[in-house]
């Protein structure tokens, strides 16, 4: 009887917990992704600037 009572309560609470966990994962994932994007954007910008500088230097 206890197992049959606990299973419906878990099923009822699982959608709420799933949404809560998804929101927490989005919040936790947004911080590392933003920092990685900033680093990647900086690296991409530095690579583009170096490539442009080298191409200008080679052309001139």
PDB file of N, CA and C in Angstrom:
ATOM      1  N   UNK A   1       0.843  -1.209   0.000  1.00  0.00           N
ATOM      2  CA  UNK A   1       0.000   0.000   0.000  1.00  0.00           C
ATOM      3  C   UNK A   1       0.878   1.259   0.000  1.00  0.00           C
ATOM      4  N   UNK A   2       1.988   1.201   0.710  1.00  0.00           N
ATOM      5  CA  UNK A   2       2.846   2.382   0.740  1.00  0.00           C
ATOM      6  C   UNK A   2       3.478   2.639  -0.631  1.00  0.00           C
ATOM      7  N   UNK A   3       3.891   1.560  -1.304  1.00  0.00           N
ATOM      8  CA  UNK A   3       4.510   1.750  -2.612  1.00  0.00           C
ATOM      9  C   UNK A   3       3.505   2.322  -3.607  1.00  0.00           C
ATOM     10  N   UNK A   4       2.257   1.857  -3.560  1.00  0.00           N
ATOM     11  CA  UNK A   4       1.248   2.373  -4.489  1.00  0.00           C
ATOM     12  C   UNK A   4       0.925   3.828  -4.175  1.00  0.00           C
ATOM     13  N   UNK A   5       1.061   4.226  -2.907  1.00  0.00           N
ATOM     14  CA  UNK A   5       0.788   5.626  -2.562  1.00  0.00           C
ATOM     15  C   UNK A   5       1.967   6.525  -2.948  1.00  0.00           C
ATOM     16  N   UNK A   6       3.185   6.032  -2.793  1.00  0.00           N
ATOM     17  CA  UNK A   6       4.336   6.878  -3.082  1.00  0.00           C
ATOM     18  C   UNK A   6       4.541   7.052  -4.582  1.00  0.00           C
ATOM     19  N   UNK A   7       4.186   6.073  -5.380  1.00  0.00           N
ATOM     20  CA  UNK A   7       4.409   6.200  -6.825  1.00  0.00           C
ATOM     21  C   UNK A   7       3.579   7.316  -7.453  1.00  0.00           C
ATOM     22  N   UNK A   8       2.253   7.424  -7.156  1.00  0.00           N
ATOM     23  CA  UNK A   8       1.510   8.549  -7.738  1.00  0.00           C
ATOM     24  C   UNK A   8       2.041   9.904  -7.275  1.00  0.00           C
ATOM     25  N   UNK A   9       2.441  10.020  -6.014  1.00  0.00           N
ATOM     26  CA  UNK A   9       2.964  11.303  -5.546  1.00  0.00           C
ATOM     27  C   UNK A   9       4.263  11.629  -6.281  1.00  0.00           C
ATOM     28  N   UNK A  10       5.090  10.637  -6.544  1.00  0.00           N
ATOM     29  CA  UNK A  10       6.309  10.892  -7.314  1.00  0.00           C
ATOM     30  C   UNK A  10       5.969  11.315  -8.733  1.00  0.00           C
ATOM     31  N   UNK A  11       4.953  10.668  -9.321  1.00  0.00           N
ATOM     32  CA  UNK A  11       4.577  11.038 -10.682  1.00  0.00           C
ATOM     33  C   UNK A  11       3.983  12.439 -10.724  1.00  0.00           C
ATOM     34  N   UNK A  12       3.250  12.802  -9.677  1.00  0.00           N
ATOM     35  CA  UNK A  12       2.654  14.141  -9.643  1.00  0.00           C
ATOM     36  C   UNK A  12       3.742  15.195  -9.441  1.00  0.00           C
ATOM     37  N   UNK A  13       4.722  14.901  -8.598  1.00  0.00           N
ATOM     38  CA  UNK A  13       5.762  15.880  -8.318  1.00  0.00           C
ATOM     39  C   UNK A  13       6.851  15.871  -9.395  1.00  0.00           C
ATOM     40  N   UNK A  14       6.931  14.817 -10.189  1.00  0.00           N
ATOM     41  CA  UNK A  14       8.012  14.728 -11.172  1.00  0.00           C
ATOM     42  C   UNK A  14       7.911  15.796 -12.266  1.00  0.00           C
ATOM     43  N   UNK A  15       6.730  16.126 -12.817  1.00  0.00           N
ATOM     44  CA  UNK A  15       6.708  17.192 -13.825  1.00  0.00           C
ATOM     45  C   UNK A  15       7.161  18.531 -13.253  1.00  0.00           C
ATOM     46  N   UNK A  16       6.720  18.838 -12.034  1.00  0.00           N
ATOM     47  CA  UNK A  16       7.155  20.095 -11.422  1.00  0.00           C
ATOM     48  C   UNK A  16       8.661  20.074 -11.188  1.00  0.00           C
ATOM     49  N   UNK A  17       9.169  18.976 -10.680  1.00  0.00           N
ATOM     50  CA  UNK A  17      10.600  18.875 -10.443  1.00  0.00           C
ATOM     51  C   UNK A  17      11.369  18.886 -11.757  1.00  0.00           C
ATOM     52  N   UNK A  18      10.803  18.292 -12.791  1.00  0.00           N
ATOM     53  CA  UNK A  18      11.476  18.287 -14.087  1.00  0.00           C
ATOM     54  C   UNK A  18      11.589  19.711 -14.623  1.00  0.00           C
ATOM     55  N   UNK A  19      10.496  20.467 -14.531  1.00  0.00           N
ATOM     56  CA  UNK A  19      10.555  21.858 -14.987  1.00  0.00           C
ATOM     57  C   UNK A  19      11.538  22.650 -14.138  1.00  0.00           C
ATOM     58  N   UNK A  20      11.520  22.403 -12.828  1.00  0.00           N
ATOM     59  CA  UNK A  20      12.432  23.116 -11.935  1.00  0.00           C
ATOM     60  C   UNK A  20      13.878  22.761 -12.263  1.00  0.00           C
ATOM     61  N   UNK A  21      14.131  21.475 -12.519  1.00  0.00           N
ATOM     62  CA  UNK A  21      15.490  21.055 -12.851  1.00  0.00           C
ATOM     63  C   UNK A  21      15.928  21.624 -14.193  1.00  0.00           C
ATOM     64  N   UNK A  22      15.009  21.687 -15.151  1.00  0.00           N
ATOM     65  CA  UNK A  22      15.363  22.243 -16.461  1.00  0.00           C
ATOM     66  C   UNK A  22      15.715  23.718 -16.314  1.00  0.00           C
ATOM     67  N   UNK A  23      14.933  24.446 -15.511  1.00  0.00           N
ATOM     68  CA  UNK A  23      15.226  25.866 -15.318  1.00  0.00           C
ATOM     69  C   UNK A  23      16.579  26.027 -14.630  1.00  0.00           C
ATOM     70  N   UNK A  24      16.871  25.163 -13.658  1.00  0.00           N
ATOM     71  CA  UNK A  24      18.160  25.243 -12.986  1.00  0.00           C
ATOM     72  C   UNK A  24      19.294  24.897 -13.948  1.00  0.00           C
ATOM     73  N   UNK A  25      19.092  23.913 -14.804  1.00  0.00           N
ATOM     74  CA  UNK A  25      20.129  23.552 -15.766  1.00  0.00           C
ATOM     75  C   UNK A  25      20.362  24.694 -16.752  1.00  0.00           C
ATOM     76  N   UNK A  26      19.282  25.343 -17.184  1.00  0.00           N
ATOM     77  CA  UNK A  26      19.455  26.468 -18.105  1.00  0.00           C
ATOM     78  C   UNK A  26      20.224  27.592 -17.435  1.00  0.00           C
ATOM     79  N   UNK A  27      19.894  27.871 -16.166  1.00  0.00           N
ATOM     80  CA  UNK A  27      20.610  28.933 -15.460  1.00  0.00           C
ATOM     81  C   UNK A  27      22.075  28.550 -15.267  1.00  0.00           C
ATOM     82  N   UNK A  28      22.340  27.292 -14.880  1.00  0.00           N
ATOM     83  CA  UNK A  28      23.713  26.877 -14.632  1.00  0.00           C
ATOM     84  C   UNK A  28      24.497  26.779 -15.943  1.00  0.00           C
ATOM     85  N   UNK A  29      23.826  26.374 -17.029  1.00  0.00           N
ATOM     86  CA  UNK A  29      24.519  26.246 -18.305  1.00  0.00           C
ATOM     87  C   UNK A  29      24.763  27.605 -18.948  1.00  0.00           C
ATOM     88  N   UNK A  30      23.922  28.583 -18.647  1.00  0.00           N
ATOM     89  CA  UNK A  30      24.068  29.879 -19.302  1.00  0.00           C
ATOM     90  C   UNK A  30      25.375  30.546 -18.879  1.00  0.00           C
ATOM     91  N   UNK A  31      25.815  30.332 -17.639  1.00  0.00           N
ATOM     92  CA  UNK A  31      27.035  30.987 -17.182  1.00  0.00           C
ATOM     93  C   UNK A  31      28.286  30.421 -17.862  1.00  0.00           C
ATOM     94  N   UNK A  32      28.501  29.092 -17.884  1.00  0.00           N
ATOM     95  CA  UNK A  32      29.690  28.581 -18.580  1.00  0.00           C
ATOM     96  C   UNK A  32      29.655  28.873 -20.070  1.00  0.00           C
ATOM     97  N   UNK A  33      28.461  28.782 -20.679  1.00  0.00           N
ATOM     98  CA  UNK A  33      28.377  29.048 -22.110  1.00  0.00           C
ATOM     99  C   UNK A  33      28.717  30.503 -22.402  1.00  0.00           C
ATOM    100  N   UNK A  34      28.253  31.418 -21.569  1.00  0.00           N
ATOM    101  CA  UNK A  34      28.535  32.829 -21.809  1.00  0.00           C
ATOM    102  C   UNK A  34      30.038  33.081 -21.683  1.00  0.00           C
ATOM    103  N   UNK A  35      30.677  32.491 -20.668  1.00  0.00           N
ATOM    104  CA  UNK A  35      32.107  32.692 -20.497  1.00  0.00           C
ATOM    105  C   UNK A  35      32.873  32.051 -21.657  1.00  0.00           C
ATOM    106  N   UNK A  36      32.454  30.859 -22.081  1.00  0.00           N
ATOM    107  CA  UNK A  36      33.111  30.215 -23.208  1.00  0.00           C
ATOM    108  C   UNK A  36      32.892  31.011 -24.482  1.00  0.00           C
ATOM    109  N   UNK A  37      31.689  31.569 -24.664  1.00  0.00           N
ATOM    110  CA  UNK A  37      31.433  32.362 -25.857  1.00  0.00           C
ATOM    111  C   UNK A  37      32.295  33.622 -25.848  1.00  0.00           C
ATOM    112  N   UNK A  38      32.466  34.230 -24.686  1.00  0.00           N
ATOM    113  CA  UNK A  38      33.317  35.411 -24.612  1.00  0.00           C
ATOM    114  C   UNK A  38      34.753  35.052 -24.977  1.00  0.00           C
ATOM    115  N   UNK A  39      35.241  33.920 -24.461  1.00  0.00           N
ATOM    116  CA  UNK A  39      36.601  33.499 -24.790  1.00  0.00           C
ATOM    117  C   UNK A  39      36.713  33.165 -26.274  1.00  0.00           C
ATOM    118  N   UNK A  40      35.704  32.440 -26.807  1.00  0.00           N
ATOM    119  CA  UNK A  40      35.746  32.072 -28.219  1.00  0.00           C
ATOM    120  C   UNK A  40      35.659  33.310 -29.098  1.00  0.00           C
ATOM    121  N   UNK A  41      34.809  34.274 -28.709  1.00  0.00           N
ATOM    122  CA  UNK A  41      34.696  35.496 -29.499  1.00  0.00           C
ATOM    123  C   UNK A  41      36.013  36.260 -29.460  1.00  0.00           C
ATOM    124  N   UNK A  42      36.659  36.294 -28.303  1.00  0.00           N
ATOM    125  CA  UNK A  42      37.944  36.984 -28.198  1.00  0.00           C
ATOM    126  C   UNK A  42      38.996  36.295 -29.063  1.00  0.00           C
ATOM    127  N   UNK A  43      39.030  34.954 -29.003  1.00  0.00           N
ATOM    128  CA  UNK A  43      39.996  34.221 -29.818  1.00  0.00           C
ATOM    129  C   UNK A  43      39.701  34.417 -31.299  1.00  0.00           C
ATOM    130  N   UNK A  44      38.406  34.361 -31.662  1.00  0.00           N
ATOM    131  CA  UNK A  44      38.053  34.538 -33.067  1.00  0.00           C
ATOM    132  C   UNK A  44      38.415  35.950 -33.517  1.00  0.00           C
ATOM    133  N   UNK A  45      38.172  36.943 -32.673  1.00  0.00           N
ATOM    134  CA  UNK A  45      38.495  38.319 -33.035  1.00  0.00           C
ATOM    135  C   UNK A  45      40.006  38.485 -33.175  1.00  0.00           C
ATOM    136  N   UNK A  46      40.769  37.909 -32.245  1.00  0.00           N
ATOM    137  CA  UNK A  46      42.220  38.026 -32.316  1.00  0.00           C
ATOM    138  C   UNK A  46      42.748  37.303 -33.555  1.00  0.00           C
ATOM    139  N   UNK A  47      42.153  36.128 -33.875  1.00  0.00           N
ATOM    140  CA  UNK A  47      42.589  35.403 -35.069  1.00  0.00           C
ATOM    141  C   UNK A  47      42.261  36.193 -36.321  1.00  0.00           C
ATOM    142  N   UNK A  48      41.057  36.789 -36.363  1.00  0.00           N
ATOM    143  CA  UNK A  48      40.688  37.573 -37.540  1.00  0.00           C
ATOM    144  C   UNK A  48      41.588  38.790 -37.671  1.00  0.00           C
ATOM    145  N   UNK A  49      41.884  39.460 -36.556  1.00  0.00           N
ATOM    146  CA  UNK A  49      42.736  40.640 -36.615  1.00  0.00           C
ATOM    147  C   UNK A  49      44.147  40.248 -37.053  1.00  0.00           C
ATOM    148  N   UNK A  50      44.657  39.125 -36.538  1.00  0.00           N
ATOM    149  CA  UNK A  50      45.980  38.672 -36.950  1.00  0.00           C
ATOM    150  C   UNK A  50      45.990  38.281 -38.417  1.00  0.00           C
ATOM    151  N   UNK A  51      44.930  37.588 -38.865  1.00  0.00           N
ATOM    152  CA  UNK A  51      44.855  37.197 -40.271  1.00  0.00           C
ATOM    153  C   UNK A  51      44.770  38.433 -41.153  1.00  0.00           C
ATOM    154  N   UNK A  52      43.988  39.411 -40.735  1.00  0.00           N
ATOM    155  CA  UNK A  52      43.873  40.640 -41.527  1.00  0.00           C
ATOM    156  C   UNK A  52      45.215  41.375 -41.541  1.00  0.00           C
ATOM    157  N   UNK A  53      45.896  41.427 -40.397  1.00  0.00           N
ATOM    158  CA  UNK A  53      47.189  42.096 -40.321  1.00  0.00           C
ATOM    159  C   UNK A  53      48.212  41.390 -41.203  1.00  0.00           C
ATOM    160  N   UNK A  54      48.235  40.053 -41.141  1.00  0.00           N
ATOM    161  CA  UNK A  54      49.191  39.293 -41.953  1.00  0.00           C
ATOM    162  C   UNK A  54      48.862  39.452 -43.432  1.00  0.00           C
ATOM    163  N   UNK A  55      47.563  39.384 -43.772  1.00  0.00           N
ATOM    164  CA  UNK A  55      47.190  39.515 -45.186  1.00  0.00           C
ATOM    165  C   UNK A  55      47.548  40.910 -45.693  1.00  0.00           C
ATOM    166  N   UNK A  56      47.304  41.935 -44.897  1.00  0.00           N
ATOM    167  CA  UNK A  56      47.670  43.292 -45.314  1.00  0.00           C
ATOM    168  C   UNK A  56      49.186  43.402 -45.441  1.00  0.00           C
ATOM    169  N   UNK A  57      49.907  42.803 -44.500  1.00  0.00           N
ATOM    170  CA  UNK A  57      51.363  42.869 -44.531  1.00  0.00           C
ATOM    171  C   UNK A  57      51.902  42.151 -45.769  1.00  0.00           C
ATOM    172  N   UNK A  58      51.307  40.993 -46.115  1.00  0.00           N
ATOM    173  CA  UNK A  58      51.766  40.244 -47.276  1.00  0.00           C
ATOM    174  C   UNK A  58      51.378  40.961 -48.565  1.00  0.00           C
ATOM    175  N   UNK A  59      50.178  41.537 -48.600  1.00  0.00           N
ATOM    176  CA  UNK A  59      49.736  42.221 -49.825  1.00  0.00           C
ATOM    177  C   UNK A  59      50.561  43.490 -50.031  1.00  0.00           C
ATOM    178  N   UNK A  60      50.756  44.252 -48.963  1.00  0.00           N
ATOM    179  CA  UNK A  60      51.528  45.484 -49.095  1.00  0.00           C
ATOM    180  C   UNK A  60      53.014  45.138 -49.187  1.00  0.00           C
TER     181      UNK A  60
END
